PDB file of N, CA and C in Angstrom:
ATOM      1  N   MET A   1      18.493   7.689  -7.495  1.00  0.00           N
ATOM      2  CA  MET A   1      18.309   6.369  -6.415  1.00  0.00           C
ATOM      3  C   MET A   1      19.937   6.773  -5.527  1.00  0.00           C
ATOM      4  N   ILE A   2      19.549   6.664  -4.294  1.00  0.00           N
ATOM      5  CA  ILE A   2      20.492   6.820  -3.267  1.00  0.00           C
ATOM      6  C   ILE A   2      20.255   5.699  -2.386  1.00  0.00           C
ATOM      7  N   ASP A   3      21.233   4.984  -2.488  1.00  0.00           N
ATOM      8  CA  ASP A   3      21.561   3.618  -1.792  1.00  0.00           C
ATOM      9  C   ASP A   3      22.032   4.186  -0.282  1.00  0.00           C
ATOM     10  N   TYR A   4      21.409   3.799   0.552  1.00  0.00           N
ATOM     11  CA  TYR A   4      21.798   3.883   2.166  1.00  0.00           C
ATOM     12  C   TYR A   4      22.139   2.518   2.977  1.00  0.00           C
ATOM     13  N   GLU A   5      23.051   2.522   3.807  1.00  0.00           N
ATOM     14  CA  GLU A   5      23.344   1.352   4.559  1.00  0.00           C
ATOM     15  C   GLU A   5      22.169   1.501   5.791  1.00  0.00           C
ATOM     16  N   SER A   6      22.197   0.105   5.871  1.00  0.00           N
ATOM     17  CA  SER A   6      20.846  -0.277   6.320  1.00  0.00           C
ATOM     18  C   SER A   6      20.606  -0.043   7.989  1.00  0.00           C
ATOM     19  N   ASP A   7      21.879   0.292   8.562  1.00  0.00           N
ATOM     20  CA  ASP A   7      21.729   1.055   9.929  1.00  0.00           C
ATOM     21  C   ASP A   7      21.023   2.467  10.043  1.00  0.00           C
ATOM     22  N   ILE A   8      20.674   3.104   9.159  1.00  0.00           N
ATOM     23  CA  ILE A   8      19.908   4.876   9.203  1.00  0.00           C
ATOM     24  C   ILE A   8      18.807   4.306   9.489  1.00  0.00           C
ATOM     25  N   LYS A   9      18.408   5.260  10.009  1.00  0.00           N
ATOM     26  CA  LYS A   9      16.685   5.271  10.569  1.00  0.00           C
ATOM     27  C   LYS A   9      16.526   6.265   9.566  1.00  0.00           C
ATOM     28  N   LEU A  10      14.989   6.256   9.651  1.00  0.00           N
ATOM     29  CA  LEU A  10      14.696   7.879   8.866  1.00  0.00           C
ATOM     30  C   LEU A  10      14.750   9.057   9.905  1.00  0.00           C
ATOM     31  N   ASN A  11      14.327   8.435  10.719  1.00  0.00           N
ATOM     32  CA  ASN A  11      14.193   9.873  12.312  1.00  0.00           C
ATOM     33  C   ASN A  11      15.876  10.605  11.991  1.00  0.00           C
ATOM     34  N   ASP A  12      17.280   9.581  11.418  1.00  0.00           N
ATOM     35  CA  ASP A  12      18.547  10.408  11.013  1.00  0.00           C
ATOM     36  C   ASP A  12      18.717  10.848   9.879  1.00  0.00           C
ATOM     37  N   LEU A  13      18.094  10.776   9.350  1.00  0.00           N
ATOM     38  CA  LEU A  13      18.188  11.402   7.597  1.00  0.00           C
ATOM     39  C   LEU A  13      18.444  12.531   7.956  1.00  0.00           C
ATOM     40  N   ASN A  14      19.565  13.041   6.899  1.00  0.00           N
ATOM     41  CA  ASN A  14      19.524  14.524   6.642  1.00  0.00           C
ATOM     42  C   ASN A  14      19.582  14.859   5.206  1.00  0.00           C
ATOM     43  N   LEU A  15      18.502  15.176   5.049  1.00  0.00           N
ATOM     44  CA  LEU A  15      18.205  15.156   3.129  1.00  0.00           C
ATOM     45  C   LEU A  15      18.245  16.557   3.115  1.00  0.00           C
ATOM     46  N   GLU A  16      18.517  17.026   1.727  1.00  0.00           N
ATOM     47  CA  GLU A  16      18.783  18.262   1.369  1.00  0.00           C
ATOM     48  C   GLU A  16      17.242  18.424   1.194  1.00  0.00           C
ATOM     49  N   LYS A  17      16.794  20.083   0.706  1.00  0.00           N
ATOM     50  CA  LYS A  17      15.172  20.387   0.243  1.00  0.00           C
ATOM     51  C   LYS A  17      14.916  19.472  -1.092  1.00  0.00           C
ATOM     52  N   GLY A  18      13.979  19.061  -1.407  1.00  0.00           N
ATOM     53  CA  GLY A  18      13.735  18.575  -2.766  1.00  0.00           C
ATOM     54  C   GLY A  18      12.229  17.679  -2.461  1.00  0.00           C
ATOM     55  N   LYS A  19      12.212  16.759  -3.472  1.00  0.00           N
ATOM     56  CA  LYS A  19      10.937  15.580  -2.783  1.00  0.00           C
ATOM     57  C   LYS A  19      11.542  13.896  -3.078  1.00  0.00           C
ATOM     58  N   TYR A  20      11.342  13.310  -2.000  1.00  0.00           N
ATOM     59  CA  TYR A  20      11.984  12.022  -1.924  1.00  0.00           C
ATOM     60  C   TYR A  20      10.507  11.033  -1.863  1.00  0.00           C
ATOM     61  N   ALA A  21      11.012   9.608  -2.375  1.00  0.00           N
ATOM     62  CA  ALA A  21      10.341   8.455  -1.752  1.00  0.00           C
ATOM     63  C   ALA A  21      11.765   7.943  -1.539  1.00  0.00           C
ATOM     64  N   VAL A  22      11.184   7.248  -0.164  1.00  0.00           N
ATOM     65  CA  VAL A  22      12.080   6.469   0.868  1.00  0.00           C
ATOM     66  C   VAL A  22      11.327   4.892   1.120  1.00  0.00           C
ATOM     67  N   PHE A  23      12.107   4.104   0.551  1.00  0.00           N
ATOM     68  CA  PHE A  23      11.928   2.491   0.800  1.00  0.00           C
ATOM     69  C   PHE A  23      12.468   2.388   1.738  1.00  0.00           C
ATOM     70  N   CYS A  24      11.885   1.448   2.662  1.00  0.00           N
ATOM     71  CA  CYS A  24      12.479   1.346   4.261  1.00  0.00           C
ATOM     72  C   CYS A  24      12.006   0.507   4.700  1.00  0.00           C
ATOM     73  N   TRP A  25      12.331  -0.485   5.986  1.00  0.00           N
ATOM     74  CA  TRP A  25      12.066  -1.835   6.726  1.00  0.00           C
ATOM     75  C   TRP A  25      12.456  -1.566   8.293  1.00  0.00           C
ATOM     76  N   ASP A  26      11.408  -2.402   8.868  1.00  0.00           N
ATOM     77  CA  ASP A  26      11.776  -2.904  10.240  1.00  0.00           C
ATOM     78  C   ASP A  26      12.863  -4.090  10.690  1.00  0.00           C
ATOM     79  N   LYS A  27      13.686  -4.306   9.530  1.00  0.00           N
ATOM     80  CA  LYS A  27      14.097  -5.180   9.539  1.00  0.00           C
ATOM     81  C   LYS A  27      13.995  -6.471  10.020  1.00  0.00           C
ATOM     82  N   LYS A  28      12.733  -6.914   9.876  1.00  0.00           N
ATOM     83  CA  LYS A  28      11.882  -8.211   9.980  1.00  0.00           C
ATOM     84  C   LYS A  28      11.472  -8.407   8.654  1.00  0.00           C
ATOM     85  N   ASP A  29       9.800  -8.282   8.843  1.00  0.00           N
ATOM     86  CA  ASP A  29       9.422  -8.803   7.624  1.00  0.00           C
ATOM     87  C   ASP A  29       8.310  -7.580   7.371  1.00  0.00           C
ATOM     88  N   PHE A  30       8.401  -6.314   7.531  1.00  0.00           N
ATOM     89  CA  PHE A  30       7.526  -5.324   7.042  1.00  0.00           C
ATOM     90  C   PHE A  30       8.464  -4.064   6.448  1.00  0.00           C
ATOM     91  N   TYR A  31       7.846  -3.880   5.596  1.00  0.00           N
ATOM     92  CA  TYR A  31       8.715  -3.174   4.389  1.00  0.00           C
ATOM     93  C   TYR A  31       7.243  -1.690   4.255  1.00  0.00           C
ATOM     94  N   HIS A  32       8.164  -0.536   4.024  1.00  0.00           N
ATOM     95  CA  HIS A  32       7.107   0.736   3.615  1.00  0.00           C
ATOM     96  C   HIS A  32       7.750   1.401   2.851  1.00  0.00           C
ATOM     97  N   MET A  33       7.025   2.608   1.948  1.00  0.00           N
ATOM     98  CA  MET A  33       7.478   3.380   1.577  1.00  0.00           C
ATOM     99  C   MET A  33       7.007   4.905   2.010  1.00  0.00           C
ATOM    100  N   VAL A  34       7.856   5.478   2.175  1.00  0.00           N
ATOM    101  CA  VAL A  34       7.078   7.116   2.904  1.00  0.00           C
ATOM    102  C   VAL A  34       7.559   8.269   1.655  1.00  0.00           C
ATOM    103  N   SER A  35       6.934   9.116   1.819  1.00  0.00           N
ATOM    104  CA  SER A  35       7.790  10.243   0.902  1.00  0.00           C
ATOM    105  C   SER A  35       7.538  11.276   2.012  1.00  0.00           C
ATOM    106  N   ILE A  36       9.049  12.219   1.455  1.00  0.00           N
ATOM    107  CA  ILE A  36       9.122  13.286   2.333  1.00  0.00           C
ATOM    108  C   ILE A  36       9.584  14.393   1.338  1.00  0.00           C
ATOM    109  N   ILE A  37       8.632  15.533   1.433  1.00  0.00           N
ATOM    110  CA  ILE A  37       9.199  17.031   0.639  1.00  0.00           C
ATOM    111  C   ILE A  37       9.663  17.907   1.380  1.00  0.00           C
ATOM    112  N   ASP A  38      10.764  18.489   1.166  1.00  0.00           N
ATOM    113  CA  ASP A  38      11.281  19.782   2.070  1.00  0.00           C
ATOM    114  C   ASP A  38      11.496  19.373   3.256  1.00  0.00           C
ATOM    115  N   ASN A  39      11.906  18.073   3.593  1.00  0.00           N
ATOM    116  CA  ASN A  39      12.440  17.769   5.118  1.00  0.00           C
ATOM    117  C   ASN A  39      11.104  17.430   5.802  1.00  0.00           C
ATOM    118  N   ILE A  40       9.702  17.406   5.268  1.00  0.00           N
ATOM    119  CA  ILE A  40       9.061  17.033   6.053  1.00  0.00           C
ATOM    120  C   ILE A  40       8.152  15.465   5.645  1.00  0.00           C
ATOM    121  N   LEU A  41       8.030  14.845   6.490  1.00  0.00           N
ATOM    122  CA  LEU A  41       7.814  13.414   6.301  1.00  0.00           C
ATOM    123  C   LEU A  41       6.236  13.460   5.915  1.00  0.00           C
ATOM    124  N   TYR A  42       6.117  12.911   4.920  1.00  0.00           N
ATOM    125  CA  TYR A  42       4.220  12.649   5.137  1.00  0.00           C
ATOM    126  C   TYR A  42       4.138  11.082   5.000  1.00  0.00           C
ATOM    127  N   ASP A  43       3.213  10.577   6.151  1.00  0.00           N
ATOM    128  CA  ASP A  43       3.145   9.228   6.226  1.00  0.00           C
ATOM    129  C   ASP A  43       1.813   9.520   7.703  1.00  0.00           C
ATOM    130  N   LYS A  44       1.052   8.477   7.539  1.00  0.00           N
ATOM    131  CA  LYS A  44      -0.151   8.264   8.492  1.00  0.00           C
ATOM    132  C   LYS A  44       0.365   7.896  10.077  1.00  0.00           C
ATOM    133  N   ASP A  45       1.588   7.759   9.902  1.00  0.00           N
ATOM    134  CA  ASP A  45       1.944   6.548  11.244  1.00  0.00           C
ATOM    135  C   ASP A  45       3.473   7.513  11.715  1.00  0.00           C
ATOM    136  N   ASP A  46       3.935   8.023  13.212  1.00  0.00           N
ATOM    137  CA  ASP A  46       4.947   8.465  13.166  1.00  0.00           C
ATOM    138  C   ASP A  46       6.271   7.209  13.871  1.00  0.00           C
ATOM    139  N   LYS A  47       5.284   6.144  13.658  1.00  0.00           N
ATOM    140  CA  LYS A  47       6.416   4.702  13.963  1.00  0.00           C
ATOM    141  C   LYS A  47       7.437   4.693  12.267  1.00  0.00           C
ATOM    142  N   SER A  48       6.477   5.019  11.701  1.00  0.00           N
ATOM    143  CA  SER A  48       7.806   5.237  10.476  1.00  0.00           C
ATOM    144  C   SER A  48       9.162   5.896  10.531  1.00  0.00           C
ATOM    145  N   LEU A  49       9.092   6.486  11.873  1.00  0.00           N
ATOM    146  CA  LEU A  49      10.701   7.416  11.781  1.00  0.00           C
ATOM    147  C   LEU A  49      11.499   6.527  12.469  1.00  0.00           C
ATOM    148  N   GLU A  50      10.922   5.303  13.067  1.00  0.00           N
ATOM    149  CA  GLU A  50      12.016   4.141  13.548  1.00  0.00           C
ATOM    150  C   GLU A  50      12.381   3.156  12.538  1.00  0.00           C
ATOM    151  N   LEU A  51      12.091   3.442  11.105  1.00  0.00           N
ATOM    152  CA  LEU A  51      12.185   2.361  10.110  1.00  0.00           C
ATOM    153  C   LEU A  51      13.367   2.649   9.872  1.00  0.00           C
ATOM    154  N   TYR A  52      14.371   1.964   9.181  1.00  0.00           N
ATOM    155  CA  TYR A  52      15.463   1.464   8.752  1.00  0.00           C
ATOM    156  C   TYR A  52      15.526   1.943   6.869  1.00  0.00           C
ATOM    157  N   THR A  53      16.423   2.668   6.631  1.00  0.00           N
ATOM    158  CA  THR A  53      16.416   2.949   5.057  1.00  0.00           C
ATOM    159  C   THR A  53      16.941   1.921   4.196  1.00  0.00           C
ATOM    160  N   ILE A  54      16.281   1.799   2.969  1.00  0.00           N
ATOM    161  CA  ILE A  54      16.936   1.109   2.212  1.00  0.00           C
ATOM    162  C   ILE A  54      17.247   1.286   1.172  1.00  0.00           C
ATOM    163  N   THR A  55      16.336   2.228   0.106  1.00  0.00           N
ATOM    164  CA  THR A  55      16.843   3.216  -1.043  1.00  0.00           C
ATOM    165  C   THR A  55      16.242   4.376  -0.742  1.00  0.00           C
ATOM    166  N   ILE A  56      16.564   5.795  -1.408  1.00  0.00           N
ATOM    167  CA  ILE A  56      16.178   6.849  -1.077  1.00  0.00           C
ATOM    168  C   ILE A  56      15.947   7.166  -2.922  1.00  0.00           C
ATOM    169  N   TYR A  57      14.708   7.670  -3.319  1.00  0.00           N
ATOM    170  CA  TYR A  57      14.772   8.132  -4.943  1.00  0.00           C
ATOM    171  C   TYR A  57      14.247   9.506  -4.690  1.00  0.00           C
ATOM    172  N   LYS A  58      15.171  10.557  -5.518  1.00  0.00           N
ATOM    173  CA  LYS A  58      14.736  11.641  -5.221  1.00  0.00           C
ATOM    174  C   LYS A  58      14.247  12.336  -6.604  1.00  0.00           C
ATOM    175  N   THR A  59      13.402  12.908  -6.645  1.00  0.00           N
ATOM    176  CA  THR A  59      13.092  13.372  -8.432  1.00  0.00           C
ATOM    177  C   THR A  59      14.091  14.162  -8.758  1.00  0.00           C
ATOM    178  N   LYS A  60      14.094  14.123  -9.845  1.00  0.00           N
ATOM    179  CA  LYS A  60      14.619  15.329 -10.548  1.00  0.00           C
ATOM    180  C   LYS A  60      14.189  16.539 -11.134  1.00  0.00           C
ATOM    181  N   VAL A  61      14.816  17.535 -11.291  1.00  0.00           N
ATOM    182  CA  VAL A  61      14.150  18.580 -11.429  1.00  0.00           C
ATOM    183  C   VAL A  61      14.608  19.249 -12.792  1.00  0.00           C
ATOM    184  N   ASP A  62      13.900  19.512 -13.689  1.00  0.00           N
ATOM    185  CA  ASP A  62      14.483  19.592 -14.660  1.00  0.00           C
ATOM    186  C   ASP A  62      14.879  21.490 -14.994  1.00  0.00           C
TER     187      ASP A  62
END
């Protein structure tokens, strides 16, 4: 788990290759979880790129 400052938007993230689940929000009352696999965002809405990160979860490779 990686905690980020709340001023970093999904659009500004620079993640290394891997699988991530990112918990984010709009700094109001909307919270959302997105998946990012090898730097590709998998979400139904491009507006997610404007959300602010709260926590990033990375899968571990055995």
